[in-house]
């Protein structure tokens, strides 16, 4: 069976789950799946997703992720085995300058290499990082947060205190006590909100 599935120039091809055909084109990564064509009375390959990335594809049976290595970044894609929906899970900088990055089934080791180099590098996973790190362990109920991108800081308020954190290191760099009016009820007065002016956006 022969099909003309696309007019794009086709390069590297990878078949994932025996259901999704991933193809490297000029400046594009194309995802094809088979759908039933009533006119032909059979299934044919149909383009259903594409990403504007110029890079090399890698996938190994047993690994749920598919990698695309470009000059400056490495993209990690997940393909749902049931719906075949493609999602970008993560992106990392290609600080190694690698042409290709290969992970094994256990995702403990990866091999990177660059075209025309005599050797290759092997990396081992040092730790698992979900990029969700608590910077405070206290109860922040009824607190609030505002980020000032121009200053690379964010402000957090709770009760009568305003704390200032560095947006990059997430470390507290300052704290201000706000003098509020005396309370006339059983509940103490507290900060209930604040806003930033348009000039600070």
C-alpha atoms as a PDB file:
ATOM      1  CA  UNK A   1       0.000   0.000   0.000  1.00  0.00           C
ATOM      2  CA  UNK A   2       1.416   3.369  -1.040  1.00  0.00           C
ATOM      3  CA  UNK A   3       0.073   6.733   0.151  1.00  0.00           C
ATOM      4  CA  UNK A   4       0.983  10.361  -0.515  1.00  0.00           C
ATOM      5  CA  UNK A   5       0.553  11.527   3.080  1.00  0.00           C
ATOM      6  CA  UNK A   6       2.074  15.023   2.812  1.00  0.00           C
ATOM      7  CA  UNK A   7       3.788  17.432   0.436  1.00  0.00           C
ATOM      8  CA  UNK A   8       6.367  18.434   3.062  1.00  0.00           C
ATOM      9  CA  UNK A   9       9.960  17.258   2.702  1.00  0.00           C
ATOM     10  CA  UNK A  10      10.436  14.238   4.945  1.00  0.00           C
ATOM     11  CA  UNK A  11      13.533  13.258   6.884  1.00  0.00           C
ATOM     12  CA  UNK A  12      13.954  11.200  10.039  1.00  0.00           C
ATOM     13  CA  UNK A  13      10.935   9.038  10.957  1.00  0.00           C
ATOM     14  CA  UNK A  14       9.980   7.284  14.223  1.00  0.00           C
ATOM     15  CA  UNK A  15       6.986   4.997  14.812  1.00  0.00           C
ATOM     16  CA  UNK A  16       5.586   5.256  18.365  1.00  0.00           C
ATOM     17  CA  UNK A  17       3.258   2.595  19.840  1.00  0.00           C
ATOM     18  CA  UNK A  18       2.777   1.309  16.260  1.00  0.00           C
ATOM     19  CA  UNK A  19       0.138   4.037  16.009  1.00  0.00           C
ATOM     20  CA  UNK A  20       1.862   7.412  15.656  1.00  0.00           C
ATOM     21  CA  UNK A  21       4.337   8.272  12.913  1.00  0.00           C
ATOM     22  CA  UNK A  22       6.620  11.147  13.951  1.00  0.00           C
ATOM     23  CA  UNK A  23       8.492  12.785  11.081  1.00  0.00           C
ATOM     24  CA  UNK A  24      11.236  15.404  10.987  1.00  0.00           C
ATOM     25  CA  UNK A  25      10.610  17.942   8.255  1.00  0.00           C
ATOM     26  CA  UNK A  26      12.268  21.255   7.393  1.00  0.00           C
ATOM     27  CA  UNK A  27      11.760  23.274  10.575  1.00  0.00           C
ATOM     28  CA  UNK A  28       8.786  21.112  11.652  1.00  0.00           C
ATOM     29  CA  UNK A  29       8.067  17.995  13.687  1.00  0.00           C
ATOM     30  CA  UNK A  30       4.979  16.293  12.221  1.00  0.00           C
ATOM     31  CA  UNK A  31       2.692  13.771  13.952  1.00  0.00           C
ATOM     32  CA  UNK A  32       0.572  11.403  11.838  1.00  0.00           C
ATOM     33  CA  UNK A  33      -2.027   8.834  12.840  1.00  0.00           C
ATOM     34  CA  UNK A  34      -4.228   6.454  10.872  1.00  0.00           C
ATOM     35  CA  UNK A  35      -7.861   7.335  10.286  1.00  0.00           C
ATOM     36  CA  UNK A  36     -10.484   5.517   8.247  1.00  0.00           C
ATOM     37  CA  UNK A  37     -11.150   7.093   4.828  1.00  0.00           C
ATOM     38  CA  UNK A  38     -14.634   6.309   3.516  1.00  0.00           C
ATOM     39  CA  UNK A  39     -13.691   7.130  -0.085  1.00  0.00           C
ATOM     40  CA  UNK A  40     -10.752   4.715  -0.065  1.00  0.00           C
ATOM     41  CA  UNK A  41     -12.560   2.292   2.265  1.00  0.00           C
ATOM     42  CA  UNK A  42      -9.392   1.841   4.309  1.00  0.00           C
ATOM     43  CA  UNK A  43      -7.213   3.618   6.817  1.00  0.00           C
ATOM     44  CA  UNK A  44      -4.711   6.285   5.751  1.00  0.00           C
ATOM     45  CA  UNK A  45      -2.089   8.387   7.521  1.00  0.00           C
ATOM     46  CA  UNK A  46      -3.412  11.825   8.519  1.00  0.00           C
ATOM     47  CA  UNK A  47      -1.460  14.779   9.942  1.00  0.00           C
ATOM     48  CA  UNK A  48      -3.016  15.746  13.284  1.00  0.00           C
ATOM     49  CA  UNK A  49      -0.298  17.709  15.124  1.00  0.00           C
ATOM     50  CA  UNK A  50       2.805  19.712  14.257  1.00  0.00           C
ATOM     51  CA  UNK A  51       5.409  21.770  16.113  1.00  0.00           C
ATOM     52  CA  UNK A  52       7.752  24.408  14.693  1.00  0.00           C
ATOM     53  CA  UNK A  53      10.988  22.811  15.912  1.00  0.00           C
ATOM     54  CA  UNK A  54      14.125  22.128  13.915  1.00  0.00           C
ATOM     55  CA  UNK A  55      15.768  19.124  15.574  1.00  0.00           C
ATOM     56  CA  UNK A  56      16.415  15.396  15.740  1.00  0.00           C
ATOM     57  CA  UNK A  57      13.889  12.864  17.057  1.00  0.00           C
ATOM     58  CA  UNK A  58      14.662  10.040  19.469  1.00  0.00           C
ATOM     59  CA  UNK A  59      12.372   7.390  20.943  1.00  0.00           C
ATOM     60  CA  UNK A  60      13.032   3.899  22.308  1.00  0.00           C
ATOM     61  CA  UNK A  61      10.459   1.185  22.932  1.00  0.00           C
ATOM     62  CA  UNK A  62       9.604   1.087  26.631  1.00  0.00           C
ATOM     63  CA  UNK A  63      10.134   4.812  27.218  1.00  0.00           C
ATOM     64  CA  UNK A  64       6.957   6.886  27.362  1.00  0.00           C
ATOM     65  CA  UNK A  65       8.758  10.077  26.283  1.00  0.00           C
ATOM     66  CA  UNK A  66       9.834  11.217  22.864  1.00  0.00           C
ATOM     67  CA  UNK A  67      12.728  13.681  22.637  1.00  0.00           C
ATOM     68  CA  UNK A  68      13.448  16.327  20.021  1.00  0.00           C
ATOM     69  CA  UNK A  69      16.948  17.815  20.247  1.00  0.00           C
ATOM     70  CA  UNK A  70      17.472  21.222  18.664  1.00  0.00           C
ATOM     71  CA  UNK A  71      20.519  23.500  18.670  1.00  0.00           C
ATOM     72  CA  UNK A  72      19.519  25.347  21.832  1.00  0.00           C
ATOM     73  CA  UNK A  73      16.806  23.262  23.523  1.00  0.00           C
ATOM     74  CA  UNK A  74      15.695  19.670  24.106  1.00  0.00           C
ATOM     75  CA  UNK A  75      11.947  19.016  24.076  1.00  0.00           C
ATOM     76  CA  UNK A  76      10.246  16.106  25.863  1.00  0.00           C
ATOM     77  CA  UNK A  77       6.864  15.024  24.468  1.00  0.00           C
ATOM     78  CA  UNK A  78       4.267  12.613  25.843  1.00  0.00           C
ATOM     79  CA  UNK A  79       1.827  10.769  23.566  1.00  0.00           C
ATOM     80  CA  UNK A  80      -1.304   9.343  25.171  1.00  0.00           C
ATOM     81  CA  UNK A  81      -1.613   5.671  24.183  1.00  0.00           C
ATOM     82  CA  UNK A  82      -5.418   5.842  24.014  1.00  0.00           C
ATOM     83  CA  UNK A  83      -6.222   9.237  22.490  1.00  0.00           C
ATOM     84  CA  UNK A  84      -2.779   9.740  20.815  1.00  0.00           C
ATOM     85  CA  UNK A  85      -2.898  13.340  22.049  1.00  0.00           C
ATOM     86  CA  UNK A  86       0.551  14.969  22.015  1.00  0.00           C
ATOM     87  CA  UNK A  87       1.642  17.157  24.933  1.00  0.00           C
ATOM     88  CA  UNK A  88       4.910  18.978  25.635  1.00  0.00           C
ATOM     89  CA  UNK A  89       5.936  17.746  29.086  1.00  0.00           C
ATOM     90  CA  UNK A  90       9.222  19.570  29.611  1.00  0.00           C
ATOM     91  CA  UNK A  91      11.921  21.639  27.935  1.00  0.00           C
ATOM     92  CA  UNK A  92      15.569  21.943  28.917  1.00  0.00           C
ATOM     93  CA  UNK A  93      18.463  23.986  27.572  1.00  0.00           C
ATOM     94  CA  UNK A  94      20.883  22.097  25.362  1.00  0.00           C
ATOM     95  CA  UNK A  95      23.889  23.248  27.412  1.00  0.00           C
ATOM     96  CA  UNK A  96      25.913  20.260  26.153  1.00  0.00           C
ATOM     97  CA  UNK A  97      25.569  21.389  22.547  1.00  0.00           C
ATOM     98  CA  UNK A  98      24.431  17.851  21.714  1.00  0.00           C
ATOM     99  CA  UNK A  99      23.012  16.752  18.379  1.00  0.00           C
ATOM    100  CA  UNK A 100      21.143  13.870  19.995  1.00  0.00           C
ATOM    101  CA  UNK A 101      20.143  12.815  23.509  1.00  0.00           C
ATOM    102  CA  UNK A 102      19.199   9.191  24.177  1.00  0.00           C
ATOM    103  CA  UNK A 103      17.541   7.794  27.300  1.00  0.00           C
ATOM    104  CA  UNK A 104      17.210   4.095  28.141  1.00  0.00           C
ATOM    105  CA  UNK A 105      14.053   2.340  29.286  1.00  0.00           C
ATOM    106  CA  UNK A 106      14.804   2.870  32.985  1.00  0.00           C
ATOM    107  CA  UNK A 107      15.465   6.612  32.443  1.00  0.00           C
ATOM    108  CA  UNK A 108      18.527   6.445  34.727  1.00  0.00           C
ATOM    109  CA  UNK A 109      21.231   7.086  32.148  1.00  0.00           C
ATOM    110  CA  UNK A 110      21.379   9.193  29.018  1.00  0.00           C
ATOM    111  CA  UNK A 111      23.920   9.394  26.226  1.00  0.00           C
ATOM    112  CA  UNK A 112      24.563  12.587  24.289  1.00  0.00           C
ATOM    113  CA  UNK A 113      26.692  13.026  21.227  1.00  0.00           C
ATOM    114  CA  UNK A 114      27.496  15.708  18.707  1.00  0.00           C
ATOM    115  CA  UNK A 115      28.043  15.209  14.987  1.00  0.00           C
ATOM    116  CA  UNK A 116      31.710  14.845  13.945  1.00  0.00           C
ATOM    117  CA  UNK A 117      32.958  14.414  17.511  1.00  0.00           C
ATOM    118  CA  UNK A 118      35.025  11.320  18.330  1.00  0.00           C
ATOM    119  CA  UNK A 119      33.495  10.589  21.738  1.00  0.00           C
ATOM    120  CA  UNK A 120      30.183  10.808  23.508  1.00  0.00           C
ATOM    121  CA  UNK A 121      29.109  11.743  27.043  1.00  0.00           C
ATOM    122  CA  UNK A 122      27.163   9.585  29.493  1.00  0.00           C
ATOM    123  CA  UNK A 123      25.046  11.246  32.198  1.00  0.00           C
ATOM    124  CA  UNK A 124      23.476   9.674  35.284  1.00  0.00           C
ATOM    125  CA  UNK A 125      20.413  11.007  37.043  1.00  0.00           C
ATOM    126  CA  UNK A 126      21.473  12.608  40.313  1.00  0.00           C
ATOM    127  CA  UNK A 127      18.086  13.383  41.810  1.00  0.00           C
ATOM    128  CA  UNK A 128      14.414  13.562  40.923  1.00  0.00           C
ATOM    129  CA  UNK A 129      13.120  17.112  40.774  1.00  0.00           C
ATOM    130  CA  UNK A 130       9.460  17.967  40.316  1.00  0.00           C
ATOM    131  CA  UNK A 131      10.135  21.732  40.377  1.00  0.00           C
ATOM    132  CA  UNK A 132       7.718  22.121  43.296  1.00  0.00           C
ATOM    133  CA  UNK A 133       9.767  23.193  46.283  1.00  0.00           C
ATOM    134  CA  UNK A 134       8.183  24.737  49.396  1.00  0.00           C
ATOM    135  CA  UNK A 135       9.941  27.926  50.451  1.00  0.00           C
ATOM    136  CA  UNK A 136       7.786  28.359  53.580  1.00  0.00           C
ATOM    137  CA  UNK A 137       6.303  25.667  55.788  1.00  0.00           C
ATOM    138  CA  UNK A 138       3.865  27.884  57.669  1.00  0.00           C
ATOM    139  CA  UNK A 139       0.132  28.190  57.098  1.00  0.00           C
ATOM    140  CA  UNK A 140      -0.453  30.903  54.454  1.00  0.00           C
ATOM    141  CA  UNK A 141      -4.242  30.812  54.559  1.00  0.00           C
ATOM    142  CA  UNK A 142      -5.784  34.241  53.826  1.00  0.00           C
ATOM    143  CA  UNK A 143      -2.434  35.454  52.477  1.00  0.00           C
ATOM    144  CA  UNK A 144      -1.800  37.057  49.095  1.00  0.00           C
ATOM    145  CA  UNK A 145       0.891  37.397  46.453  1.00  0.00           C
ATOM    146  CA  UNK A 146       1.956  39.923  43.819  1.00  0.00           C
ATOM    147  CA  UNK A 147       4.944  39.690  41.461  1.00  0.00           C
ATOM    148  CA  UNK A 148       6.899  42.711  40.182  1.00  0.00           C
ATOM    149  CA  UNK A 149       8.682  41.374  37.085  1.00  0.00           C
ATOM    150  CA  UNK A 150      10.672  44.564  36.496  1.00  0.00           C
ATOM    151  CA  UNK A 151      12.329  44.152  39.909  1.00  0.00           C
ATOM    152  CA  UNK A 152      12.515  40.326  39.818  1.00  0.00           C
ATOM    153  CA  UNK A 153      10.725  40.105  43.169  1.00  0.00           C
ATOM    154  CA  UNK A 154       7.349  39.070  44.529  1.00  0.00           C
ATOM    155  CA  UNK A 155       5.520  40.353  47.610  1.00  0.00           C
ATOM    156  CA  UNK A 156       3.600  38.117  49.995  1.00  0.00           C
ATOM    157  CA  UNK A 157       1.311  39.443  52.701  1.00  0.00           C
ATOM    158  CA  UNK A 158      -0.251  37.790  55.732  1.00  0.00           C
ATOM    159  CA  UNK A 159      -1.914  39.442  58.707  1.00  0.00           C
ATOM    160  CA  UNK A 160       0.084  42.666  59.220  1.00  0.00           C
ATOM    161  CA  UNK A 161       3.364  41.660  57.521  1.00  0.00           C
ATOM    162  CA  UNK A 162       4.597  42.069  53.952  1.00  0.00           C
ATOM    163  CA  UNK A 163       7.525  39.902  52.899  1.00  0.00           C
ATOM    164  CA  UNK A 164       9.695  40.372  49.824  1.00  0.00           C
ATOM    165  CA  UNK A 165      11.181  37.377  47.967  1.00  0.00           C
ATOM    166  CA  UNK A 166      13.654  37.130  45.113  1.00  0.00           C
ATOM    167  CA  UNK A 167      11.914  35.634  42.041  1.00  0.00           C
ATOM    168  CA  UNK A 168      15.029  33.715  40.956  1.00  0.00           C
ATOM    169  CA  UNK A 169      16.385  32.312  44.228  1.00  0.00           C
ATOM    170  CA  UNK A 170      13.013  32.291  46.070  1.00  0.00           C
ATOM    171  CA  UNK A 171      14.791  33.567  49.171  1.00  0.00           C
ATOM    172  CA  UNK A 172      13.269  36.191  51.458  1.00  0.00           C
ATOM    173  CA  UNK A 173      15.158  39.468  51.106  1.00  0.00           C
ATOM    174  CA  UNK A 174      13.039  41.854  53.165  1.00  0.00           C
ATOM    175  CA  UNK A 175      10.109  42.131  55.562  1.00  0.00           C
ATOM    176  CA  UNK A 176       7.867  45.055  56.515  1.00  0.00           C
ATOM    177  CA  UNK A 177       5.544  45.422  59.479  1.00  0.00           C
ATOM    178  CA  UNK A 178       2.400  47.383  58.559  1.00  0.00           C
ATOM    179  CA  UNK A 179       0.926  49.516  61.340  1.00  0.00           C
ATOM    180  CA  UNK A 180      -2.830  48.997  61.222  1.00  0.00           C
ATOM    181  CA  UNK A 181      -5.619  50.759  63.100  1.00  0.00           C
ATOM    182  CA  UNK A 182      -6.609  49.208  66.440  1.00  0.00           C
ATOM    183  CA  UNK A 183      -9.374  46.656  66.119  1.00  0.00           C
ATOM    184  CA  UNK A 184     -12.771  47.422  67.652  1.00  0.00           C
ATOM    185  CA  UNK A 185     -13.951  43.815  67.399  1.00  0.00           C
ATOM    186  CA  UNK A 186     -12.722  40.467  68.645  1.00  0.00           C
ATOM    187  CA  UNK A 187     -10.830  39.851  65.402  1.00  0.00           C
ATOM    188  CA  UNK A 188      -7.562  41.749  64.827  1.00  0.00           C
ATOM    189  CA  UNK A 189      -7.234  43.985  61.798  1.00  0.00           C
ATOM    190  CA  UNK A 190      -5.198  42.513  58.965  1.00  0.00           C
ATOM    191  CA  UNK A 191      -4.185  43.200  55.373  1.00  0.00           C
ATOM    192  CA  UNK A 192      -6.867  41.864  53.049  1.00  0.00           C
ATOM    193  CA  UNK A 193      -5.285  42.713  49.715  1.00  0.00           C
ATOM    194  CA  UNK A 194      -3.023  44.978  47.694  1.00  0.00           C
ATOM    195  CA  UNK A 195      -2.528  45.893  44.047  1.00  0.00           C
ATOM    196  CA  UNK A 196       0.318  47.182  41.913  1.00  0.00           C
ATOM    197  CA  UNK A 197       0.094  50.221  39.653  1.00  0.00           C
ATOM    198  CA  UNK A 198       0.144  49.830  35.850  1.00  0.00           C
ATOM    199  CA  UNK A 199       3.627  51.343  35.677  1.00  0.00           C
ATOM    200  CA  UNK A 200       5.014  48.384  37.667  1.00  0.00           C
ATOM    201  CA  UNK A 201       3.730  45.688  35.298  1.00  0.00           C
END
